[in-house]
Amino acid sequence: MTWKQVFTSSIGRKVTMGLTGIFLITFLVVHVGINACIWANDGGEMFNKAAHFMGSMVVIRIIEVGLFLFIFIHIIQGLALEISNRGKRGIGYAVNYGNRGSKWYSRSMGLIGTLILLFLILHWTNFWIPSRFTGVTDSLGIPLTKTYNGTEMHDLYSLMKITFAELWVVIVYVLGCISLAFHLAHGFQSAFRSIGVHNGRYNALLTSIGYGFSIIVPLAFAMMPVSFYLGWIS
């Protein structure tokens, strides 16, 4: 398979989707682990230190560039596959089997993926862009910083408290996490199948792990804005 076929053929696109999907799954594990530090309930010290470490390490910043590249490749290839599949289906099947043929979220990956992209744009605007480019400030433009052991760093914990004080933001984040859950319910298993991990002996285990992952990780993410809004953490 040539490099062009990797990005243009149906099989190549599926393999690319699988590889980038597995990388993004790994990122989600790291991201949810760092964000879970907010529940230490120590005024944000553990979380701020972890976020500062991730943002100041050169290796991590290089990986971050790769992360964004993989996200865009994943989105572009996903949309290309969706368009290709719709073109092949034409006017549709004579009989609509509904969920007997496949789950509704498996047939709606293009729509769900688009909703996740819109959520990501909001998330990047709220947190990633300020922490990397414009600076972390409150609503009045006053810089939010903390100093631990002589090291000054962004106070992203306080930024989270300010951001998630708005009910509409919390609702959007929860809806984004629900979309992520349905995306992972299909995408987790599909990613491994796309790279050839398809064995009858392990399919049931992979399916169970995939469903567990698609519930636990998005639920943890969703509980973060909810916890701030309801005052469960200070």
Protein backbone atom coordinates (compact mmCIF):
# COMPACT_ATOMS: atom_id res chain seq x y z
CA MET A 1 0.00 0.00 0.00
CA THR A 2 1.45 3.38 -1.03
CA TRP A 3 1.37 6.48 1.18
CA LYS A 4 -1.31 7.95 -1.08
CA GLN A 5 -3.49 4.85 -0.64
CA VAL A 6 -3.08 5.09 3.14
CA PHE A 7 -5.01 8.36 3.04
CA THR A 8 -7.28 7.80 0.04
CA SER A 9 -8.29 4.12 -0.11
CA SER A 10 -11.09 2.70 2.03
CA ILE A 11 -8.78 0.22 3.78
CA GLY A 12 -6.08 2.85 4.28
CA ARG A 13 -8.54 5.27 5.81
CA LYS A 14 -9.82 2.64 8.22
CA VAL A 15 -6.27 1.73 9.31
CA THR A 16 -5.45 5.42 9.77
CA MET A 17 -8.63 5.89 11.77
CA GLY A 18 -7.72 2.89 13.92
CA LEU A 19 -4.16 4.01 14.66
CA THR A 20 -5.09 7.62 15.39
CA GLY A 21 -8.06 6.40 17.45
CA ILE A 22 -5.83 4.25 19.66
CA PHE A 23 -3.46 7.19 20.17
CA LEU A 24 -6.40 9.41 21.16
CA ILE A 25 -7.69 6.73 23.55
CA THR A 26 -4.28 6.76 25.23
CA PHE A 27 -4.45 10.55 25.45
CA LEU A 28 -7.87 10.36 27.10
CA VAL A 29 -6.46 8.07 29.80
CA VAL A 30 -3.68 10.57 30.56
CA HIS A 31 -6.00 13.58 30.36
CA VAL A 32 -8.66 12.15 32.66
CA GLY A 33 -5.96 11.08 35.12
CA ILE A 34 -4.52 14.60 35.34
CA ASN A 35 -7.92 16.26 35.55
CA ALA A 36 -8.97 13.86 38.30
CA CYS A 37 -6.44 15.67 40.51
CA ILE A 38 -9.12 18.31 41.10
CA TRP A 39 -10.79 15.88 43.50
CA ALA A 40 -7.77 16.01 45.81
CA ASN A 41 -9.66 19.03 47.20
CA ASP A 42 -6.39 20.78 48.09
CA GLY A 43 -7.20 24.13 46.52
CA GLY A 44 -5.96 22.96 43.15
CA GLU A 45 -2.30 22.42 44.06
CA MET A 46 -1.99 18.87 42.74
CA PHE A 47 -3.89 19.69 39.56
CA ASN A 48 -1.98 22.91 38.86
CA LYS A 49 1.36 21.17 39.38
CA ALA A 50 0.37 18.32 37.05
CA ALA A 51 -0.90 20.74 34.39
CA HIS A 52 2.27 22.82 34.69
CA PHE A 53 4.44 19.73 34.29
CA MET A 54 2.56 18.72 31.13
CA GLY A 55 2.79 22.23 29.70
CA SER A 56 6.46 22.87 30.46
CA MET A 57 8.11 19.62 29.35
CA VAL A 58 9.60 19.86 25.84
CA VAL A 59 8.83 16.21 25.05
CA ILE A 60 5.23 16.66 26.11
CA ARG A 61 4.88 19.78 23.97
CA ILE A 62 6.21 17.86 20.94
CA ILE A 63 3.73 15.06 21.62
CA GLU A 64 1.03 17.74 21.91
CA VAL A 65 1.73 18.81 18.32
CA GLY A 66 1.37 15.18 17.25
CA LEU A 67 -1.87 14.97 19.21
CA PHE A 68 -3.43 17.85 17.28
CA LEU A 69 -2.18 16.39 14.02
CA PHE A 70 -3.77 13.03 14.84
CA ILE A 71 -7.02 14.69 15.89
CA PHE A 72 -7.33 16.47 12.55
CA ILE A 73 -6.34 13.34 10.59
CA HIS A 74 -8.90 11.34 12.58
CA ILE A 75 -11.61 13.91 11.84
CA ILE A 76 -10.78 14.26 8.15
CA GLN A 77 -10.55 10.50 7.56
CA GLY A 78 -13.74 9.93 9.52
CA LEU A 79 -15.66 12.44 7.43
CA ALA A 80 -14.16 10.97 4.24
CA LEU A 81 -15.31 7.48 5.27
CA GLU A 82 -18.76 8.79 6.16
CA ILE A 83 -19.13 10.46 2.76
CA SER A 84 -17.82 7.36 1.00
CA ASN A 85 -20.19 5.06 2.90
CA ARG A 86 -23.17 7.28 2.18
CA GLY A 87 -22.25 7.33 -1.49
CA LYS A 88 -22.07 3.53 -1.61
CA ARG A 89 -25.42 3.18 0.13
CA GLY A 90 -27.06 5.41 -2.45
CA ILE A 91 -30.76 5.61 -1.71
CA GLY A 92 -30.45 3.16 1.16
CA TYR A 93 -31.42 -0.41 1.79
CA ALA A 94 -34.79 -1.79 0.74
CA VAL A 95 -35.34 -2.98 4.32
CA ASN A 96 -34.35 -0.84 7.28
CA TYR A 97 -33.06 -3.23 9.95
CA GLY A 98 -32.48 -0.47 12.49
CA ASN A 99 -30.57 -1.63 15.54
CA ARG A 100 -30.75 -5.26 14.38
CA GLY A 101 -28.11 -4.45 11.79
CA SER A 102 -26.05 -2.01 13.83
CA LYS A 103 -26.46 0.36 16.75
CA TRP A 104 -27.78 3.82 15.92
CA TYR A 105 -24.60 5.46 17.20
CA SER A 106 -22.53 3.26 14.89
CA ARG A 107 -24.55 4.64 11.97
CA SER A 108 -24.24 8.20 13.27
CA MET A 109 -20.49 8.47 13.84
CA GLY A 110 -20.22 11.42 11.44
CA LEU A 111 -22.83 13.45 13.34
CA ILE A 112 -21.47 12.49 16.77
CA GLY A 113 -17.92 13.25 15.66
CA THR A 114 -19.02 16.70 14.47
CA LEU A 115 -20.65 17.42 17.84
CA ILE A 116 -17.43 16.38 19.59
CA LEU A 117 -15.42 18.70 17.32
CA LEU A 118 -17.67 21.65 18.25
CA PHE A 119 -17.23 20.75 21.92
CA LEU A 120 -13.45 20.57 21.47
CA ILE A 121 -13.38 24.05 19.93
CA LEU A 122 -15.15 25.40 23.04
CA HIS A 123 -12.79 23.45 25.32
CA TRP A 124 -9.68 24.70 23.50
CA THR A 125 -11.00 28.26 23.67
CA ASN A 126 -11.69 28.00 27.40
CA PHE A 127 -8.49 26.31 28.53
CA TRP A 128 -5.83 25.31 26.00
CA ILE A 129 -5.46 28.63 24.15
CA PRO A 130 -5.25 30.70 27.39
CA SER A 131 -2.73 28.32 28.95
CA ARG A 132 -0.51 28.25 25.86
CA PHE A 133 -0.94 31.64 24.19
CA THR A 134 -3.14 34.40 25.62
CA GLY A 135 -2.59 33.84 29.34
CA VAL A 136 -4.88 32.57 32.08
CA THR A 137 -7.00 35.42 33.48
CA ASP A 138 -10.27 35.96 35.30
CA SER A 139 -13.29 37.77 33.86
CA LEU A 140 -11.66 41.15 34.57
CA GLY A 141 -8.45 40.24 32.79
CA ILE A 142 -6.45 39.80 36.00
CA PRO A 143 -3.82 37.03 35.62
CA LEU A 144 -4.53 33.83 37.52
CA THR A 145 -1.27 32.42 38.88
CA LYS A 146 -0.07 30.32 41.80
CA THR A 147 3.40 29.84 43.21
CA TYR A 148 4.43 26.46 44.61
CA ASN A 149 7.94 25.87 45.95
CA GLY A 150 9.15 29.04 44.29
CA THR A 151 7.72 28.17 40.86
CA GLU A 152 5.03 30.42 39.40
CA MET A 153 2.47 28.70 37.18
CA HIS A 154 -0.98 29.16 35.67
CA ASP A 155 -3.84 28.72 38.11
CA LEU A 156 -5.94 26.55 35.82
CA TYR A 157 -7.87 25.26 38.81
CA SER A 158 -9.31 28.73 39.47
CA LEU A 159 -10.03 29.09 35.75
CA MET A 160 -12.05 25.88 35.92
CA LYS A 161 -14.01 27.22 38.89
CA ILE A 162 -14.81 30.44 37.00
CA THR A 163 -15.67 28.65 33.74
CA PHE A 164 -17.92 26.05 35.34
CA ALA A 165 -19.84 28.59 37.40
CA GLU A 166 -21.93 29.15 34.26
CA LEU A 167 -24.76 26.62 33.94
CA TRP A 168 -24.86 26.72 30.12
CA VAL A 169 -21.17 25.84 29.96
CA VAL A 170 -21.70 22.88 32.29
CA ILE A 171 -24.61 21.66 30.15
CA VAL A 172 -22.56 21.93 26.95
CA TYR A 173 -19.68 20.03 28.54
CA VAL A 174 -21.97 17.27 29.79
CA LEU A 175 -23.56 16.94 26.34
CA GLY A 176 -20.07 16.82 24.83
CA CYS A 177 -19.13 14.01 27.20
CA ILE A 178 -22.30 12.10 26.29
CA SER A 179 -21.37 12.43 22.62
CA LEU A 180 -17.88 11.18 23.47
CA ALA A 181 -19.38 8.17 25.27
CA PHE A 182 -21.38 7.10 22.21
CA HIS A 183 -18.40 7.74 19.94
CA LEU A 184 -16.19 5.52 22.11
CA ALA A 185 -18.87 2.82 22.40
CA HIS A 186 -18.34 2.13 18.72
CA GLY A 187 -14.91 3.63 18.12
CA PHE A 188 -12.96 1.73 20.80
CA GLN A 189 -13.71 -1.69 19.32
CA SER A 190 -13.59 -0.40 15.73
CA ALA A 191 -10.10 1.07 16.25
CA PHE A 192 -8.62 -2.30 17.22
CA ARG A 193 -10.49 -4.18 14.50
CA SER A 194 -9.16 -1.73 11.92
CA ILE A 195 -5.56 -2.69 12.73
CA GLY A 196 -6.31 -6.42 12.61
CA VAL A 197 -7.10 -7.21 16.26
CA HIS A 198 -10.10 -9.39 15.48
CA ASN A 199 -10.03 -12.78 17.11
CA GLY A 200 -13.04 -14.73 18.33
CA ARG A 201 -11.26 -15.56 21.56
CA TYR A 202 -10.73 -11.92 22.48
CA ASN A 203 -13.69 -10.19 20.87
CA ALA A 204 -15.93 -10.50 23.92
CA LEU A 205 -13.18 -9.18 26.21
CA LEU A 206 -12.40 -6.29 23.86
CA THR A 207 -16.10 -5.44 23.61
CA SER A 208 -16.47 -5.41 27.40
CA ILE A 209 -13.39 -3.25 27.87
CA GLY A 210 -14.63 -0.89 25.16
CA TYR A 211 -18.05 -0.43 26.75
CA GLY A 212 -16.49 0.00 30.19
CA PHE A 213 -14.08 2.62 28.85
CA SER A 214 -16.85 4.45 26.98
CA ILE A 215 -18.80 4.78 30.25
CA ILE A 216 -16.10 5.43 32.87
CA VAL A 217 -13.94 7.99 31.06
CA PRO A 218 -16.75 10.27 29.72
CA LEU A 219 -18.54 10.01 33.08
CA ALA A 220 -15.39 11.14 34.88
CA PHE A 221 -15.01 14.07 32.50
CA ALA A 222 -18.68 15.02 32.87
CA MET A 223 -18.49 14.94 36.68
CA MET A 224 -15.72 17.57 36.68
CA PRO A 225 -17.83 20.58 35.61
CA VAL A 226 -20.76 19.24 37.61
CA SER A 227 -18.60 18.99 40.74
CA PHE A 228 -17.46 22.59 40.38
CA TYR A 229 -20.95 23.92 39.66
CA LEU A 230 -22.55 22.10 42.60
CA GLY A 231 -19.74 23.07 44.97
CA TRP A 232 -18.63 19.51 45.71
CA ILE A 233 -15.02 20.71 45.54
CA SER A 234 -13.70 24.03 46.76
